[in-house]
Amino acid sequence: MELKGNQIKLRPLQKSDAEALAKVANNKKIADNLRDMFPHPYNLDNANWFIDFVKSQPETPRFAIEYQDKFAGMIGLHPQPDIYRKNVEIGYWLGEPFWGKGIATEAVKLIVDYGFKNLDINRIWAGVFAYNDGSKRVLEKNGFEMEAVLKKAVYKNEKYWDEHRLALVR
């Protein structure tokens, strides 16, 4: 399945994306804004592992973000368990050459529309490190609202950081 916007396309991740994925993801600025499971440096083995992992979890909608026929990043909706089963966490990242072009804002809009139309959910939320103002703006442009600040909840790069929780309710 593909989701098409004005300037981007969200599409399934393919084995053929491995080289571009490794190249774009190998950036400390990206890793600094993501959970530690996203490695740095990021190499071809990491890319191949991730592609296999995504393909092994069809219940978790994840898409490659394509801009001008180039792999630009990733976006996904992650189902939550138990009493949170009507919630999904949104996660996304974009390669640095693609920052500041409205790509992430459009990608979030497309996947939010997809999620509310195709999944049995009522709420989409995101956790954003306090210093990641760009990601907060992307979410706010898509109607997400700040729900909470989790004080010193994140331990990243040998420091404690607040996590901002933003959400969009159907």
C-alpha atoms as a PDB file:
ATOM      1  CA  MET A   1       0.000   0.000   0.000  1.00  0.00           C
ATOM      2  CA  GLU A   2       1.196   3.492  -0.843  1.00  0.00           C
ATOM      3  CA  LEU A   3       0.027   6.792   0.592  1.00  0.00           C
ATOM      4  CA  LYS A   4       0.589   9.764  -1.696  1.00  0.00           C
ATOM      5  CA  GLY A   5       0.822  13.374  -0.660  1.00  0.00           C
ATOM      6  CA  ASN A   6       1.617  16.558  -2.560  1.00  0.00           C
ATOM      7  CA  GLN A   7       5.391  16.153  -2.429  1.00  0.00           C
ATOM      8  CA  ILE A   8       5.990  12.762  -0.810  1.00  0.00           C
ATOM      9  CA  LYS A   9       4.985   9.138  -0.939  1.00  0.00           C
ATOM     10  CA  LEU A  10       4.767   6.693   1.969  1.00  0.00           C
ATOM     11  CA  ARG A  11       5.428   3.167   0.755  1.00  0.00           C
ATOM     12  CA  PRO A  12       6.431  -0.231   2.081  1.00  0.00           C
ATOM     13  CA  LEU A  13      10.089  -0.620   2.969  1.00  0.00           C
ATOM     14  CA  GLN A  14      11.926  -2.836   0.457  1.00  0.00           C
ATOM     15  CA  LYS A  15      15.160  -4.841   0.582  1.00  0.00           C
ATOM     16  CA  SER A  16      16.406  -2.548  -2.176  1.00  0.00           C
ATOM     17  CA  ASP A  17      16.211   0.386   0.293  1.00  0.00           C
ATOM     18  CA  ALA A  18      19.039  -1.003   2.447  1.00  0.00           C
ATOM     19  CA  GLU A  19      21.871   1.047   0.961  1.00  0.00           C
ATOM     20  CA  ALA A  20      19.932   4.326   0.964  1.00  0.00           C
ATOM     21  CA  LEU A  21      18.606   3.616   4.460  1.00  0.00           C
ATOM     22  CA  ALA A  22      22.105   3.017   5.809  1.00  0.00           C
ATOM     23  CA  LYS A  23      23.431   6.165   4.135  1.00  0.00           C
ATOM     24  CA  VAL A  24      20.646   8.469   5.309  1.00  0.00           C
ATOM     25  CA  ALA A  25      20.387   6.984   8.829  1.00  0.00           C
ATOM     26  CA  ASN A  26      24.114   7.164   9.547  1.00  0.00           C
ATOM     27  CA  ASN A  27      23.904  10.555  11.220  1.00  0.00           C
ATOM     28  CA  LYS A  28      24.395  11.285  14.916  1.00  0.00           C
ATOM     29  CA  LYS A  29      21.903  14.158  14.737  1.00  0.00           C
ATOM     30  CA  ILE A  30      19.195  11.620  13.872  1.00  0.00           C
ATOM     31  CA  ALA A  31      20.300   9.074  16.483  1.00  0.00           C
ATOM     32  CA  ASP A  32      20.358  11.811  19.144  1.00  0.00           C
ATOM     33  CA  ASN A  33      16.603  12.296  18.715  1.00  0.00           C
ATOM     34  CA  LEU A  34      15.615   8.614  18.761  1.00  0.00           C
ATOM     35  CA  ARG A  35      15.633   5.754  21.229  1.00  0.00           C
ATOM     36  CA  ASP A  36      18.923   3.965  21.796  1.00  0.00           C
ATOM     37  CA  MET A  37      17.773   0.974  19.750  1.00  0.00           C
ATOM     38  CA  PHE A  38      18.526   3.181  16.715  1.00  0.00           C
ATOM     39  CA  PRO A  39      22.286   2.673  16.435  1.00  0.00           C
ATOM     40  CA  HIS A  40      25.027   5.097  15.598  1.00  0.00           C
ATOM     41  CA  PRO A  41      26.996   4.576  13.501  1.00  0.00           C
ATOM     42  CA  TYR A  42      24.322   3.033  11.258  1.00  0.00           C
ATOM     43  CA  ASN A  43      25.603   0.612   8.648  1.00  0.00           C
ATOM     44  CA  LEU A  44      24.324  -1.738   5.957  1.00  0.00           C
ATOM     45  CA  ASP A  45      23.967  -4.607   8.441  1.00  0.00           C
ATOM     46  CA  ASN A  46      21.744  -2.390  10.624  1.00  0.00           C
ATOM     47  CA  ALA A  47      19.644  -1.475   7.587  1.00  0.00           C
ATOM     48  CA  ASN A  48      19.207  -5.094   6.499  1.00  0.00           C
ATOM     49  CA  TRP A  49      18.305  -6.146  10.038  1.00  0.00           C
ATOM     50  CA  PHE A  50      15.726  -3.345  10.286  1.00  0.00           C
ATOM     51  CA  ILE A  51      14.127  -4.186   6.938  1.00  0.00           C
ATOM     52  CA  ASP A  52      13.778  -7.844   7.992  1.00  0.00           C
ATOM     53  CA  PHE A  53      12.367  -6.738  11.366  1.00  0.00           C
ATOM     54  CA  VAL A  54       9.757  -4.492   9.710  1.00  0.00           C
ATOM     55  CA  LYS A  55       8.705  -7.281   7.363  1.00  0.00           C
ATOM     56  CA  SER A  56       8.298  -9.648  10.334  1.00  0.00           C
ATOM     57  CA  GLN A  57       5.749  -7.300  11.973  1.00  0.00           C
ATOM     58  CA  PRO A  58       2.949  -6.687   9.460  1.00  0.00           C
ATOM     59  CA  GLU A  59       0.612  -5.608  12.291  1.00  0.00           C
ATOM     60  CA  THR A  60       2.747  -2.498  12.797  1.00  0.00           C
ATOM     61  CA  PRO A  61       2.257  -0.079   9.889  1.00  0.00           C
ATOM     62  CA  ARG A  62       5.665   1.298   8.917  1.00  0.00           C
ATOM     63  CA  PHE A  63       6.465   3.172   5.747  1.00  0.00           C
ATOM     64  CA  ALA A  64       9.488   4.487   3.929  1.00  0.00           C
ATOM     65  CA  ILE A  65       9.196   8.204   3.247  1.00  0.00           C
ATOM     66  CA  GLU A  66      10.069   8.946  -0.367  1.00  0.00           C
ATOM     67  CA  TYR A  67      10.780  12.463  -1.637  1.00  0.00           C
ATOM     68  CA  GLN A  68      11.610  13.147  -5.299  1.00  0.00           C
ATOM     69  CA  ASP A  69      12.122   9.391  -5.825  1.00  0.00           C
ATOM     70  CA  LYS A  70      14.670   9.243  -2.983  1.00  0.00           C
ATOM     71  CA  PHE A  71      14.514   7.397   0.314  1.00  0.00           C
ATOM     72  CA  ALA A  72      14.190  10.186   2.906  1.00  0.00           C
ATOM     73  CA  GLY A  73      13.270   8.482   6.195  1.00  0.00           C
ATOM     74  CA  MET A  74      10.776   6.307   8.025  1.00  0.00           C
ATOM     75  CA  ILE A  75       7.413   6.671   9.759  1.00  0.00           C
ATOM     76  CA  GLY A  76       5.252   4.200  11.625  1.00  0.00           C
ATOM     77  CA  LEU A  77       2.354   3.611  13.978  1.00  0.00           C
ATOM     78  CA  HIS A  78       3.107   1.296  16.884  1.00  0.00           C
ATOM     79  CA  PRO A  79       0.134  -0.473  18.502  1.00  0.00           C
ATOM     80  CA  GLN A  80      -0.025  -0.386  22.285  1.00  0.00           C
ATOM     81  CA  PRO A  81      -0.963  -3.332  24.528  1.00  0.00           C
ATOM     82  CA  ASP A  82      -3.694  -4.143  27.012  1.00  0.00           C
ATOM     83  CA  ILE A  83      -5.797  -1.198  28.192  1.00  0.00           C
ATOM     84  CA  TYR A  84      -3.942   1.075  25.752  1.00  0.00           C
ATOM     85  CA  ARG A  85      -4.950  -1.066  22.735  1.00  0.00           C
ATOM     86  CA  LYS A  86      -6.967   1.800  21.173  1.00  0.00           C
ATOM     87  CA  ASN A  87      -3.782   3.913  21.115  1.00  0.00           C
ATOM     88  CA  VAL A  88      -0.810   3.899  18.767  1.00  0.00           C
ATOM     89  CA  GLU A  89       2.520   5.609  19.205  1.00  0.00           C
ATOM     90  CA  ILE A  90       3.744   7.469  16.159  1.00  0.00           C
ATOM     91  CA  GLY A  91       7.443   7.406  15.393  1.00  0.00           C
ATOM     92  CA  TYR A  92       9.332   8.989  12.537  1.00  0.00           C
ATOM     93  CA  TRP A  93      12.702  10.267  11.444  1.00  0.00           C
ATOM     94  CA  LEU A  94      13.977  12.085   8.398  1.00  0.00           C
ATOM     95  CA  GLY A  95      17.454  12.253   6.901  1.00  0.00           C
ATOM     96  CA  GLU A  96      19.173  15.592   7.434  1.00  0.00           C
ATOM     97  CA  PRO A  97      19.268  16.529   3.703  1.00  0.00           C
ATOM     98  CA  PHE A  98      15.448  16.476   3.822  1.00  0.00           C
ATOM     99  CA  TRP A  99      14.936  18.688   6.888  1.00  0.00           C
ATOM    100  CA  GLY A 100      13.108  22.014   6.567  1.00  0.00           C
ATOM    101  CA  LYS A 101      11.078  21.102   3.472  1.00  0.00           C
ATOM    102  CA  GLY A 102       7.741  20.223   5.116  1.00  0.00           C
ATOM    103  CA  ILE A 103       8.306  16.516   4.447  1.00  0.00           C
ATOM    104  CA  ALA A 104       7.858  15.321   8.029  1.00  0.00           C
ATOM    105  CA  THR A 105       4.725  17.441   8.465  1.00  0.00           C
ATOM    106  CA  GLU A 106       3.196  15.913   5.347  1.00  0.00           C
ATOM    107  CA  ALA A 107       4.273  12.391   6.327  1.00  0.00           C
ATOM    108  CA  VAL A 108       2.630  12.747   9.743  1.00  0.00           C
ATOM    109  CA  LYS A 109      -0.577  14.028   8.132  1.00  0.00           C
ATOM    110  CA  LEU A 110      -0.700  11.067   5.744  1.00  0.00           C
ATOM    111  CA  ILE A 111      -0.093   8.431   8.396  1.00  0.00           C
ATOM    112  CA  VAL A 112      -2.509  10.019  10.886  1.00  0.00           C
ATOM    113  CA  ASP A 113      -5.237   9.966   8.223  1.00  0.00           C
ATOM    114  CA  TYR A 114      -4.332   6.361   7.427  1.00  0.00           C
ATOM    115  CA  GLY A 115      -4.376   5.362  11.100  1.00  0.00           C
ATOM    116  CA  PHE A 116      -7.757   6.853  11.930  1.00  0.00           C
ATOM    117  CA  LYS A 117      -9.341   5.452   8.731  1.00  0.00           C
ATOM    118  CA  ASN A 118      -7.840   1.958   8.822  1.00  0.00           C
ATOM    119  CA  LEU A 119      -7.032   1.036  12.416  1.00  0.00           C
ATOM    120  CA  ASP A 120      -9.369   0.490  15.341  1.00  0.00           C
ATOM    121  CA  ILE A 121      -7.844   3.334  17.372  1.00  0.00           C
ATOM    122  CA  ASN A 122      -8.963   6.463  19.160  1.00  0.00           C
ATOM    123  CA  ARG A 123      -5.647   8.164  19.946  1.00  0.00           C
ATOM    124  CA  ILE A 124      -2.203   8.689  18.431  1.00  0.00           C
ATOM    125  CA  TRP A 125       0.586   9.888  20.705  1.00  0.00           C
ATOM    126  CA  ALA A 126       4.268  10.715  20.510  1.00  0.00           C
ATOM    127  CA  GLY A 127       7.065  11.117  23.007  1.00  0.00           C
ATOM    128  CA  VAL A 128       9.492  13.873  22.016  1.00  0.00           C
ATOM    129  CA  PHE A 129      12.757  14.713  23.764  1.00  0.00           C
ATOM    130  CA  ALA A 130      12.478  18.197  25.275  1.00  0.00           C
ATOM    131  CA  TYR A 131      15.226  19.605  23.046  1.00  0.00           C
ATOM    132  CA  ASN A 132      13.628  18.439  19.769  1.00  0.00           C
ATOM    133  CA  ASP A 133      11.630  21.560  18.923  1.00  0.00           C
ATOM    134  CA  GLY A 134      11.392  20.623  15.229  1.00  0.00           C
ATOM    135  CA  SER A 135       9.556  17.391  15.957  1.00  0.00           C
ATOM    136  CA  LYS A 136       7.197  19.129  18.378  1.00  0.00           C
ATOM    137  CA  ARG A 137       6.345  21.690  15.653  1.00  0.00           C
ATOM    138  CA  VAL A 138       5.667  18.900  13.120  1.00  0.00           C
ATOM    139  CA  LEU A 139       3.183  17.303  15.501  1.00  0.00           C
ATOM    140  CA  GLU A 140       1.536  20.595  16.496  1.00  0.00           C
ATOM    141  CA  LYS A 141       1.030  21.508  12.819  1.00  0.00           C
ATOM    142  CA  ASN A 142      -0.949  18.263  12.576  1.00  0.00           C
ATOM    143  CA  GLY A 143      -3.212  19.068  15.517  1.00  0.00           C
ATOM    144  CA  PHE A 144      -1.338  17.205  18.263  1.00  0.00           C
ATOM    145  CA  GLU A 145      -1.567  18.818  21.677  1.00  0.00           C
ATOM    146  CA  MET A 146       0.826  18.715  24.604  1.00  0.00           C
ATOM    147  CA  GLU A 147      -0.545  16.379  27.268  1.00  0.00           C
ATOM    148  CA  ALA A 148       2.333  16.011  29.697  1.00  0.00           C
ATOM    149  CA  VAL A 149       5.955  16.640  30.454  1.00  0.00           C
ATOM    150  CA  LEU A 150       7.624  13.604  31.980  1.00  0.00           C
ATOM    151  CA  LYS A 151      10.402  15.099  34.083  1.00  0.00           C
ATOM    152  CA  LYS A 152      13.852  13.575  33.560  1.00  0.00           C
ATOM    153  CA  ALA A 153      12.203  10.472  32.064  1.00  0.00           C
ATOM    154  CA  VAL A 154      14.737  10.006  29.252  1.00  0.00           C
ATOM    155  CA  TYR A 155      18.374   9.037  29.724  1.00  0.00           C
ATOM    156  CA  LYS A 156      20.135   9.831  26.457  1.00  0.00           C
ATOM    157  CA  ASN A 157      23.797  10.548  25.762  1.00  0.00           C
ATOM    158  CA  GLU A 158      24.724  10.320  29.455  1.00  0.00           C
ATOM    159  CA  LYS A 159      22.155  12.965  30.490  1.00  0.00           C
ATOM    160  CA  TYR A 160      18.603  13.068  31.799  1.00  0.00           C
ATOM    161  CA  TRP A 161      16.034  14.855  29.666  1.00  0.00           C
ATOM    162  CA  ASP A 162      12.348  15.665  29.953  1.00  0.00           C
ATOM    163  CA  GLU A 163      10.031  13.900  27.526  1.00  0.00           C
ATOM    164  CA  HIS A 164       7.117  15.845  26.060  1.00  0.00           C
ATOM    165  CA  ARG A 165       4.020  13.770  25.344  1.00  0.00           C
ATOM    166  CA  LEU A 166       1.786  15.042  22.580  1.00  0.00           C
ATOM    167  CA  ALA A 167      -1.381  13.368  21.367  1.00  0.00           C
ATOM    168  CA  LEU A 168      -4.191  13.615  18.856  1.00  0.00           C
ATOM    169  CA  VAL A 169      -7.576  12.136  19.769  1.00  0.00           C
ATOM    170  CA  ARG A 170     -10.029  11.112  17.068  1.00  0.00           C
END
